Structure formats: C-alpha cells, structure tokens
Amino acid sequence: MSIPISIVIPYEHHPLRLPLLTFCVKSLARSAQCEICIVETGPTAYIHDHINAFREWIRKPFRYLKVFTFHPFNRAWAFNVGVKELATFEHVLLTDADLIYPPNYQNILAQTRPPAAAWNRILYMSKEATERFLKSESLGGPYIRSTAPEKMGAAGGAMWVTKTIMNHVGGMPEKDFYGKYGEDNAFWIKLEAFGYRVGAADITLHHLYHPNISTFVNPKRLIVHDMLRWPREKWRMYQRNWGYVDQNQLLT
C-alpha cells in the first residue's frame, strides 16, 4: 500500500551539504509515487545552475524554487513555501536534507495518520560511519546517539502532514525562527493547540554527520515555552500569513 506524496526539502547551499542532499534524495526517490520539491534559499543558486543534472539523476517528478535570502536560514518558512508553492499532492513529507530513509518508508507513512513525526528513532552516524556510507552506501555505526520524538525535545527532522492540516493551522511557525532550534517544537505545540494528536511513524532514520555549518543560534528559540500556553486564537493572530514569497526574491 502506498499513496502519492510530495517531499519538501529546504536547502541552503554549502559544499559540505551537497553530498548529504544527494544521498537523502536518492533514498527518497526509491519510492514509486513521489515528487521531490526542493526550496533553495540563501544568496547562491547552486541547484538552479545545475538543474538539468539534478533532473537527470533524480528521475522522478522534480519541482524546484529558488528564493534569494540574505538572513539566517529560516527552515520553517522554507517548508511553508514548499507546501504552498511546490507540493501538488495532499500528503506531504517535510524533511531535512541530511536524513537517509529505508526502502519501505512510503508504505509505512501510508499507514500512519498525519500529523506525525515521520520516524520513531533517528540514529546519528559518526563522522567515520558517514564517510564510509558516502563511499559505499553501507549504513552502520558507530553512532553518536539515538533519539525518539518528543514535543519539547527532538521534535522534528521529518514531519508527515497533509496540505489540509497545513492550511488549517496556518503552516509551521516561522515568524520567530531565524537560525537554529525551536521551530519543530513550536509546530508540535501549534498542532496540539488546533486539536491534533501528533503521532510517530514506525521508521528508523539515519542522520548523516556534518560539521556545524550553521552557527547562528535563534535568539528567540525559548519562546516555545510561552507557546505551550497559547490558545488557538493567539496562534491565528501570531501568524496571519505563512509561506509568503516576495516575487522579487524569486529566480525565474
């Protein structure tokens, strides 16, 4: 059993990120019914400049948008843009670009009621294990750690949603989430405020090691503790618009 899904991946180019993206997409593209939707942000347009090569090796429906930005990475906003501007299917997988998916991931997601973390365990591969994988595609340890999804802990990485849910809640919280940390916790809290129970798919993901490329830590990340008390009405007032793109930012 499987259903068609749109896979939304935010990406901001760095030479160390590119191989992780390629192997992540390769693991996802094994699915029979999927479209790959990449939202590239930041000041460069690497994928746009190599778009034909990307289409050739992905060999799946590939949708792409380049939005020039000159601020710290806003991952939640990029996810929202991908859902609004690129995703064509009702079911959507929001995923980071450094995760490796098992071959049966789509069948498991099809049996998982959204919204849900698209995993129940993430194994964080060491530098040694990641280098071995990039050469041989052999998954294994040593691992740095493993995590399970929890609202105020490791809440994200990959989320299983629908466009209906995203429209109902008004997208991921993006307003105060420039830089690292907090947006996944805020999204989980927001979903619960709108009456959803966040589940977890029975999937183990592997996280590829990378150095700490993004050094900007979100100074407003602790707002998530206040958000725990927010009613639905406050969420609606907090973010009236989501996934907005200024047409002057687009590379066409």
Protein backbone atom coordinates (compact mmCIF):
# COMPACT_ATOMS: atom_id res chain seq x y z
CA MET A 1 0.00 0.00 0.00
CA SER A 2 1.29 3.44 -0.91
CA ILE A 3 -0.05 6.86 -1.70
CA PRO A 4 1.42 9.68 -3.80
CA ILE A 5 3.38 12.12 -1.67
CA SER A 6 5.10 15.45 -2.11
CA ILE A 7 8.50 15.57 -0.42
CA VAL A 8 9.53 19.09 0.59
CA ILE A 9 13.22 19.70 1.32
CA PRO A 10 14.68 23.09 2.29
CA TYR A 11 18.25 23.59 1.13
CA GLU A 12 20.84 26.33 1.51
CA HIS A 13 23.97 25.51 -0.43
CA HIS A 14 27.31 24.68 1.10
CA PRO A 15 29.85 22.23 -0.43
CA LEU A 16 29.61 20.04 2.68
CA ARG A 17 25.81 19.89 2.46
CA LEU A 18 25.58 18.85 -1.18
CA PRO A 19 26.59 15.17 -0.83
CA LEU A 20 24.18 14.79 2.08
CA LEU A 21 21.35 16.21 -0.01
CA THR A 22 22.12 13.91 -2.94
CA PHE A 23 22.09 10.75 -0.83
CA CYS A 24 18.99 11.86 1.06
CA VAL A 25 17.13 12.42 -2.21
CA LYS A 26 18.43 9.13 -3.59
CA SER A 27 16.95 7.25 -0.63
CA LEU A 28 13.63 9.07 -1.03
CA ALA A 29 13.42 8.67 -4.80
CA ARG A 30 13.24 4.87 -4.49
CA SER A 31 9.56 5.42 -3.73
CA ALA A 32 7.24 4.67 -6.62
CA GLN A 33 4.88 7.60 -6.17
CA CYS A 34 6.63 10.75 -5.07
CA GLU A 35 7.64 14.15 -6.26
CA ILE A 36 10.78 15.86 -4.95
CA CYS A 37 10.24 19.52 -4.08
CA ILE A 38 13.36 21.50 -3.18
CA VAL A 39 13.24 25.06 -1.90
CA GLU A 40 16.71 26.58 -2.20
CA THR A 41 17.27 29.67 -0.09
CA GLY A 42 20.31 31.83 0.59
CA PRO A 43 22.40 34.13 -1.63
CA THR A 44 23.52 31.49 -4.18
CA ALA A 45 21.62 29.42 -6.74
CA TYR A 46 23.62 26.20 -6.93
CA ILE A 47 20.81 23.80 -7.81
CA HIS A 48 19.36 26.23 -10.35
CA ASP A 49 22.74 26.38 -12.08
CA HIS A 50 22.88 22.56 -12.23
CA ILE A 51 19.17 21.92 -12.72
CA ASN A 52 19.48 19.56 -15.69
CA ALA A 53 21.94 17.34 -13.84
CA PHE A 54 19.57 17.18 -10.88
CA ARG A 55 16.62 16.20 -13.06
CA GLU A 56 18.67 13.51 -14.75
CA TRP A 57 19.81 11.70 -11.62
CA ILE A 58 16.61 12.13 -9.59
CA ARG A 59 14.49 10.53 -12.34
CA LYS A 60 11.32 11.47 -10.50
CA PRO A 61 8.98 14.42 -10.82
CA PHE A 62 11.16 17.28 -9.61
CA ARG A 63 9.84 20.68 -8.58
CA TYR A 64 12.20 23.47 -7.62
CA LEU A 65 12.07 27.03 -6.38
CA LYS A 66 14.95 29.42 -5.75
CA VAL A 67 14.27 32.20 -3.26
CA PHE A 68 17.13 34.63 -2.67
CA THR A 69 17.52 35.40 1.03
CA PHE A 70 20.14 37.33 2.95
CA HIS A 71 19.13 36.46 6.50
CA PRO A 72 19.82 33.45 8.73
CA PHE A 73 18.25 30.24 7.47
CA ASN A 74 14.53 30.07 8.24
CA ARG A 75 13.77 26.40 7.84
CA ALA A 76 10.11 26.62 8.84
CA TRP A 77 9.46 29.34 6.28
CA ALA A 78 11.16 27.28 3.57
CA PHE A 79 8.95 24.30 4.44
CA ASN A 80 5.89 26.52 4.25
CA VAL A 81 6.96 27.90 0.89
CA GLY A 82 7.43 24.37 -0.42
CA VAL A 83 3.96 23.31 0.69
CA LYS A 84 2.26 26.37 -0.80
CA GLU A 85 4.28 26.83 -3.99
CA LEU A 86 5.51 23.36 -4.99
CA ALA A 87 3.64 20.44 -3.42
CA THR A 88 0.88 19.06 -5.66
CA PHE A 89 -0.22 16.03 -3.61
CA GLU A 90 -2.36 16.11 -0.46
CA HIS A 91 0.11 14.10 1.64
CA VAL A 92 3.40 15.86 2.32
CA LEU A 93 6.68 14.77 3.90
CA LEU A 94 8.66 17.69 5.32
CA THR A 95 12.25 16.52 5.65
CA ASP A 96 15.72 17.79 6.32
CA ALA A 97 18.37 17.14 3.68
CA ASP A 98 20.70 15.04 5.86
CA LEU A 99 18.49 12.01 6.55
CA ILE A 100 18.54 8.57 4.93
CA TYR A 101 15.23 6.75 4.50
CA PRO A 102 14.63 2.98 4.39
CA PRO A 103 13.21 1.48 1.17
CA ASN A 104 9.76 0.87 2.68
CA TYR A 105 9.29 4.34 4.14
CA GLN A 106 6.38 5.29 1.88
CA ASN A 107 4.36 2.19 2.74
CA ILE A 108 4.81 2.89 6.45
CA LEU A 109 3.84 6.54 6.04
CA ALA A 110 0.71 5.46 4.18
CA GLN A 111 -0.32 3.54 7.30
CA THR A 112 0.49 6.46 9.63
CA ARG A 113 -2.14 9.03 10.42
CA PRO A 114 -0.86 12.61 9.99
CA PRO A 115 0.28 14.72 11.64
CA ALA A 116 3.18 12.63 12.85
CA ALA A 117 6.90 12.62 13.20
CA ALA A 118 7.98 10.61 10.14
CA TRP A 119 10.16 8.44 12.41
CA ASN A 120 10.29 6.81 15.81
CA ARG A 121 14.07 6.68 16.01
CA ILE A 122 16.93 8.63 14.46
CA LEU A 123 20.41 7.16 14.59
CA TYR A 124 23.08 9.85 14.42
CA MET A 125 26.01 8.48 12.46
CA SER A 126 29.56 9.35 13.41
CA LYS A 127 31.93 11.08 11.01
CA GLU A 128 33.62 7.76 10.32
CA ALA A 129 30.32 5.98 9.63
CA THR A 130 29.13 8.81 7.37
CA GLU A 131 32.33 8.86 5.33
CA ARG A 132 32.01 5.11 4.85
CA PHE A 133 28.39 5.47 3.75
CA LEU A 134 29.20 8.21 1.24
CA LYS A 135 31.72 5.86 -0.37
CA SER A 136 29.86 2.55 -0.19
CA GLU A 137 26.24 3.35 0.78
CA SER A 138 26.66 0.94 3.67
CA LEU A 139 24.65 2.05 6.70
CA GLY A 140 26.01 1.27 10.14
CA GLY A 141 27.77 2.55 13.22
CA PRO A 142 29.45 3.77 15.16
CA TYR A 143 26.63 6.06 16.18
CA ILE A 144 26.94 9.23 18.22
CA ARG A 145 23.47 8.88 19.74
CA SER A 146 19.87 7.95 19.01
CA THR A 147 16.71 9.95 19.68
CA ALA A 148 12.97 9.42 19.87
CA PRO A 149 10.43 12.14 19.03
CA GLU A 150 9.16 14.28 21.90
CA LYS A 151 7.38 17.61 21.96
CA MET A 152 9.98 19.58 23.90
CA GLY A 153 12.98 17.54 22.79
CA ALA A 154 13.87 16.08 19.39
CA ALA A 155 10.61 17.07 17.74
CA GLY A 156 11.49 17.31 14.08
CA GLY A 157 13.83 16.41 11.27
CA ALA A 158 10.95 14.91 9.32
CA MET A 159 7.20 15.51 9.69
CA TRP A 160 4.29 13.78 7.98
CA VAL A 161 1.41 16.15 7.27
CA THR A 162 -1.26 16.97 4.74
CA LYS A 163 -1.95 20.18 2.88
CA THR A 164 -5.33 20.28 4.61
CA ILE A 165 -3.65 20.26 8.02
CA MET A 166 -1.12 22.89 6.99
CA ASN A 167 -3.89 25.17 5.72
CA HIS A 168 -5.98 24.59 8.84
CA VAL A 169 -3.23 25.54 11.30
CA GLY A 170 -1.59 28.18 9.11
CA GLY A 171 1.70 26.40 8.45
CA MET A 172 4.73 25.89 10.63
CA PRO A 173 5.54 28.77 12.99
CA GLU A 174 8.07 30.81 11.01
CA LYS A 175 7.87 34.33 12.44
CA ASP A 176 10.47 34.00 15.23
CA PHE A 177 12.55 31.14 13.86
CA TYR A 178 15.55 32.54 12.04
CA GLY A 179 18.54 30.36 12.82
CA LYS A 180 18.80 27.06 14.64
CA TYR A 181 16.36 25.48 17.08
CA GLY A 182 12.78 25.75 18.20
CA GLU A 183 10.60 25.59 15.10
CA ASP A 184 9.86 21.86 15.35
CA ASN A 185 8.82 22.16 18.98
CA ALA A 186 6.66 25.17 18.12
CA PHE A 187 4.99 23.25 15.28
CA TRP A 188 4.17 20.31 17.55
CA ILE A 189 2.71 22.69 20.15
CA LYS A 190 0.71 24.52 17.48
CA LEU A 191 -0.72 21.29 16.08
CA GLU A 192 -1.92 20.30 19.55
CA ALA A 193 -3.48 23.73 20.06
CA PHE A 194 -5.56 23.08 16.94
CA GLY A 195 -6.74 19.73 18.31
CA TYR A 196 -4.36 17.34 16.58
CA ARG A 197 -2.55 14.47 18.24
CA VAL A 198 0.99 14.17 16.90
CA GLY A 199 1.94 10.55 16.31
CA ALA A 200 5.07 8.82 15.09
CA ALA A 201 5.74 6.56 12.11
CA ASP A 202 7.44 3.23 12.73
CA ILE A 203 10.54 4.26 10.78
CA THR A 204 14.21 4.38 11.74
CA LEU A 205 16.13 7.16 10.00
CA HIS A 206 19.89 7.61 9.76
CA HIS A 207 21.28 11.11 10.23
CA LEU A 208 24.45 11.83 8.28
CA TYR A 209 27.22 13.53 10.18
CA HIS A 210 28.23 17.04 9.20
CA PRO A 211 30.23 19.76 10.92
CA ASN A 212 28.34 22.64 12.47
CA ILE A 213 27.99 24.68 9.28
CA SER A 214 25.18 26.91 10.54
CA THR A 215 26.45 28.76 13.59
CA PHE A 216 23.61 31.24 14.08
CA VAL A 217 21.51 30.12 17.04
CA ASN A 218 17.99 31.51 17.09
CA PRO A 219 17.92 34.10 19.91
CA LYS A 220 14.12 33.78 20.19
CA ARG A 221 14.02 29.98 20.44
CA LEU A 222 12.86 29.97 24.08
CA ILE A 223 9.55 31.46 23.00
CA VAL A 224 8.40 27.84 22.65
CA HIS A 225 7.93 27.67 26.43
CA ASP A 226 5.43 30.54 26.26
CA MET A 227 3.73 28.89 23.28
CA LEU A 228 2.77 25.91 25.45
CA ARG A 229 0.05 28.12 26.95
CA TRP A 230 -1.20 29.70 23.73
CA PRO A 231 -4.83 29.06 22.71
CA ARG A 232 -5.78 28.60 19.10
CA GLU A 233 -6.88 32.21 18.77
CA LYS A 234 -3.45 33.52 19.73
CA TRP A 235 -1.83 31.27 17.14
CA ARG A 236 -4.11 32.73 14.48
CA MET A 237 -3.17 36.27 15.47
CA TYR A 238 0.54 35.43 15.76
CA GLN A 239 0.99 34.32 12.17
CA ARG A 240 -1.74 35.51 9.83
CA ASN A 241 0.27 34.83 6.69
CA TRP A 242 2.58 31.90 6.08
CA GLY A 243 4.89 30.78 3.32
CA TYR A 244 4.81 34.21 1.66
CA VAL A 245 7.34 34.84 -1.09
CA ASP A 246 8.14 38.27 -2.49
CA GLN A 247 8.22 37.83 -6.26
CA ASN A 248 11.36 39.98 -6.38
CA GLN A 249 13.18 37.26 -4.41
CA LEU A 250 12.50 34.56 -6.98
CA LEU A 251 14.90 33.37 -9.64
CA THR A 252 12.84 32.66 -12.72
